[in-house]
Amino acid sequence: MAEEPAPKPGSDSFSSAVNGGRTIKECQDMIQRSLRTPMVKFLKEHLEKSGCAVGDNFIKAVECDQKISGGYVRGNGIMVCSNQMNIQDEVNQVVIHELIHAYDECRAANLDWANCAHHACSEIRAGHLSGDCHYKRELLRGYMKIRGHEQDCVRRRVMKSVIANPYCSEAAAKDAMEAVWDVCYNDTQPFDRAP
């Protein structure tokens, strides 16, 4: 078996980050590339049409202490955890997912992230509309199911996120998710239908 040559700096398989992932600079470059993708352009355009400008510093690469890929924080924008990112597709997915949260907050003046139902609704929409639960991604995560994989995946990921909310116990998160599921899963704005 031949030994593979070492990757070169700047190539997709090289990272100078110490504990895996990418450096902040590498991740910031990947964010810039994701801003040119059609889905990200579409979401940014609809955010701006809804009255929420997305400035140059709205999406930032940061190093995260927790094992999360990123997040949206009211007033601070979107953070992409550089030390958890390895490939461009991961960055694109985080940016798309978090832009859906930003869009939800923009269009709902009273969105309260401490409210488990509000949080669950935005997570349902982000999981369903972002492509996080596409069957190929699920297969790579080790989940294989012929039917119903997408909704199972969205439910699993919603629970993981809402349980992490300090205002939501596991029982409250599950109740909130079930209470808002139909309305939020079927709300595809700003898309005409689920992508």
Protein backbone atom coordinates (compact mmCIF):
# COMPACT_ATOMS: atom_id res chain seq x y z
CA MET A 1 0.00 0.00 0.00
CA ALA A 2 1.56 3.27 -1.13
CA GLU A 3 1.86 6.09 1.34
CA GLU A 4 -0.14 9.17 0.37
CA PRO A 5 1.80 12.40 -0.06
CA ALA A 6 1.35 15.01 2.65
CA PRO A 7 -1.28 17.61 1.78
CA LYS A 8 -0.10 21.08 0.83
CA PRO A 9 -1.14 24.20 2.75
CA GLY A 10 -4.23 25.74 1.18
CA SER A 11 -5.48 22.41 -0.17
CA ASP A 12 -8.81 21.07 1.04
CA SER A 13 -7.22 18.29 3.08
CA PHE A 14 -4.65 20.42 4.90
CA SER A 15 -5.28 22.24 8.14
CA SER A 16 -2.84 23.98 10.36
CA ALA A 17 -5.31 23.93 13.29
CA VAL A 18 -3.79 22.08 16.23
CA ASN A 19 -6.73 19.91 17.41
CA GLY A 20 -8.29 19.15 14.05
CA GLY A 21 -10.62 21.38 12.16
CA ARG A 22 -9.43 24.58 10.54
CA THR A 23 -7.74 27.74 11.70
CA ILE A 24 -9.89 30.85 11.98
CA LYS A 25 -8.25 32.27 8.83
CA GLU A 26 -8.88 29.07 6.85
CA CYS A 27 -12.47 28.97 8.04
CA GLN A 28 -13.01 32.66 7.24
CA ASP A 29 -11.83 31.93 3.68
CA MET A 30 -14.31 29.03 3.52
CA ILE A 31 -17.10 31.33 4.75
CA GLN A 32 -16.25 33.75 1.92
CA ARG A 33 -16.61 30.87 -0.56
CA SER A 34 -19.94 29.85 0.97
CA LEU A 35 -21.25 33.40 0.48
CA ARG A 36 -21.03 32.77 -3.28
CA THR A 37 -23.25 29.65 -3.23
CA PRO A 38 -26.78 30.02 -4.63
CA MET A 39 -28.57 28.96 -1.41
CA VAL A 40 -26.61 31.39 0.78
CA LYS A 41 -27.13 34.22 -1.73
CA PHE A 42 -30.88 33.45 -1.77
CA LEU A 43 -31.17 33.48 2.03
CA LYS A 44 -29.13 36.68 2.39
CA GLU A 45 -31.30 38.36 -0.25
CA HIS A 46 -34.48 37.37 1.60
CA LEU A 47 -33.07 38.51 4.93
CA GLU A 48 -32.40 41.91 3.41
CA LYS A 49 -35.87 42.02 1.76
CA SER A 50 -37.31 41.36 5.24
CA GLY A 51 -35.48 44.39 6.59
CA CYS A 52 -32.48 42.70 8.17
CA ALA A 53 -29.19 43.73 6.61
CA VAL A 54 -26.36 41.23 6.62
CA GLY A 55 -23.13 43.17 6.98
CA ASP A 56 -19.60 42.02 6.19
CA ASN A 57 -19.02 40.89 9.77
CA PHE A 58 -22.35 39.06 10.24
CA ILE A 59 -20.80 35.61 9.71
CA LYS A 60 -17.55 35.00 11.59
CA ALA A 61 -15.17 32.12 12.13
CA VAL A 62 -14.44 31.52 15.81
CA GLU A 63 -12.82 28.81 17.89
CA CYS A 64 -15.42 27.02 20.03
CA ASP A 65 -14.94 25.33 23.39
CA GLN A 66 -17.95 23.06 22.90
CA LYS A 67 -18.23 20.38 20.24
CA ILE A 68 -20.71 22.32 18.10
CA SER A 69 -20.42 23.46 14.51
CA GLY A 70 -21.75 26.95 14.97
CA GLY A 71 -24.63 29.09 16.09
CA TYR A 72 -26.71 32.19 15.62
CA VAL A 73 -26.70 34.76 18.41
CA ARG A 74 -29.11 37.68 18.40
CA GLY A 75 -27.15 40.90 17.95
CA ASN A 76 -23.88 39.09 17.17
CA GLY A 77 -24.74 37.21 13.98
CA ILE A 78 -23.52 33.79 12.95
CA MET A 79 -20.50 32.01 14.38
CA VAL A 80 -18.88 29.11 12.53
CA CYS A 81 -16.67 26.96 14.77
CA SER A 82 -13.44 26.75 12.79
CA ASN A 83 -12.02 23.99 14.99
CA GLN A 84 -14.99 21.75 14.08
CA MET A 85 -14.87 22.37 10.32
CA ASN A 86 -12.92 20.21 7.90
CA ILE A 87 -14.43 20.64 4.43
CA GLN A 88 -16.25 23.37 2.51
CA ASP A 89 -19.58 21.52 2.57
CA GLU A 90 -19.61 21.60 6.39
CA VAL A 91 -19.13 25.37 6.41
CA ASN A 92 -21.84 25.81 3.76
CA GLN A 93 -24.29 23.74 5.83
CA VAL A 94 -23.63 25.69 9.03
CA VAL A 95 -24.02 29.03 7.22
CA ILE A 96 -27.30 27.93 5.57
CA HIS A 97 -28.73 26.48 8.81
CA GLU A 98 -27.86 29.57 10.83
CA LEU A 99 -29.13 31.97 8.13
CA ILE A 100 -32.53 30.27 8.47
CA HIS A 101 -32.46 31.07 12.21
CA ALA A 102 -31.53 34.68 11.39
CA TYR A 103 -34.39 34.83 8.88
CA ASP A 104 -36.83 33.47 11.47
CA GLU A 105 -35.79 36.09 13.98
CA CYS A 106 -36.02 38.82 11.36
CA ARG A 107 -39.56 37.98 10.29
CA ALA A 108 -40.90 37.23 13.80
CA ALA A 109 -40.46 40.35 15.89
CA ASN A 110 -41.34 38.46 19.09
CA LEU A 111 -39.15 35.37 18.66
CA ASP A 112 -37.91 34.42 22.13
CA TRP A 113 -35.03 31.93 22.14
CA ALA A 114 -35.74 31.17 25.83
CA ASN A 115 -39.19 29.90 24.79
CA CYS A 116 -38.82 26.19 24.02
CA ALA A 117 -41.57 26.23 21.38
CA HIS A 118 -40.04 29.21 19.54
CA HIS A 119 -36.60 27.59 19.64
CA ALA A 120 -37.98 24.20 18.52
CA CYS A 121 -39.87 25.81 15.62
CA SER A 122 -36.79 27.54 14.26
CA GLU A 123 -34.75 24.33 14.66
CA ILE A 124 -37.42 22.33 12.82
CA ARG A 125 -37.36 24.82 9.96
CA ALA A 126 -33.56 25.01 9.85
CA GLY A 127 -33.17 21.23 9.94
CA HIS A 128 -35.82 20.68 7.28
CA LEU A 129 -34.93 23.51 4.89
CA SER A 130 -31.13 23.56 5.09
CA GLY A 131 -30.43 20.07 3.78
CA ASP A 132 -28.90 18.99 7.11
CA CYS A 133 -30.96 15.82 6.93
CA HIS A 134 -30.44 14.86 3.31
CA TYR A 135 -30.21 11.08 3.07
CA LYS A 136 -26.55 11.21 1.92
CA ARG A 137 -25.58 13.19 5.03
CA GLU A 138 -27.53 10.79 7.22
CA LEU A 139 -25.82 7.82 5.58
CA LEU A 140 -22.41 9.38 6.32
CA ARG A 141 -23.48 9.84 9.96
CA GLY A 142 -24.32 6.14 10.15
CA TYR A 143 -28.11 6.45 10.03
CA MET A 144 -29.70 4.33 7.36
CA LYS A 145 -33.42 4.17 6.87
CA ILE A 146 -35.35 3.87 3.62
CA ARG A 147 -38.49 5.76 4.64
CA GLY A 148 -38.93 8.62 7.05
CA HIS A 149 -35.23 9.31 7.52
CA GLU A 150 -35.59 13.07 6.99
CA GLN A 151 -38.23 13.64 9.67
CA ASP A 152 -36.42 11.32 12.12
CA CYS A 153 -33.22 13.26 11.52
CA VAL A 154 -34.92 16.64 11.99
CA ARG A 155 -36.52 15.43 15.23
CA ARG A 156 -33.22 14.05 16.55
CA ARG A 157 -31.35 17.26 15.74
CA VAL A 158 -34.10 19.52 17.12
CA MET A 159 -34.03 17.63 20.42
CA LYS A 160 -30.24 17.88 20.64
CA SER A 161 -30.33 21.63 20.09
CA VAL A 162 -33.34 22.51 22.25
CA ILE A 163 -32.11 20.36 25.17
CA ALA A 164 -28.92 22.44 25.09
CA ASN A 165 -31.06 25.54 25.75
CA PRO A 166 -30.74 26.27 29.49
CA TYR A 167 -34.46 27.15 29.62
CA CYS A 168 -35.62 23.79 28.23
CA SER A 169 -35.57 20.41 29.97
CA GLU A 170 -35.70 17.27 27.85
CA ALA A 171 -39.43 16.87 28.57
CA ALA A 172 -40.14 20.54 27.76
CA ALA A 173 -38.11 20.27 24.54
CA LYS A 174 -40.03 17.16 23.41
CA ASP A 175 -43.42 18.69 24.28
CA ALA A 176 -42.52 21.93 22.49
CA MET A 177 -41.29 20.10 19.39
CA GLU A 178 -44.46 17.98 19.18
CA ALA A 179 -46.72 21.00 19.75
CA VAL A 180 -45.24 23.04 16.88
CA TRP A 181 -44.14 20.25 14.53
CA ASP A 182 -46.86 20.41 11.85
CA VAL A 183 -46.98 24.19 11.55
CA CYS A 184 -43.20 24.67 11.57
CA TYR A 185 -42.30 21.68 9.38
CA ASN A 186 -44.73 22.91 6.72
CA ASP A 187 -43.57 26.54 6.92
CA THR A 188 -41.07 26.74 4.05
CA GLN A 189 -40.61 30.53 3.88
CA PRO A 190 -38.67 32.10 2.20
CA PHE A 191 -38.74 29.11 -0.17
CA ASP A 192 -41.81 28.18 -2.21
CA ARG A 193 -41.33 24.60 -1.02
CA ALA A 194 -38.73 22.62 0.90
CA PRO A 195 -35.50 22.60 -1.17
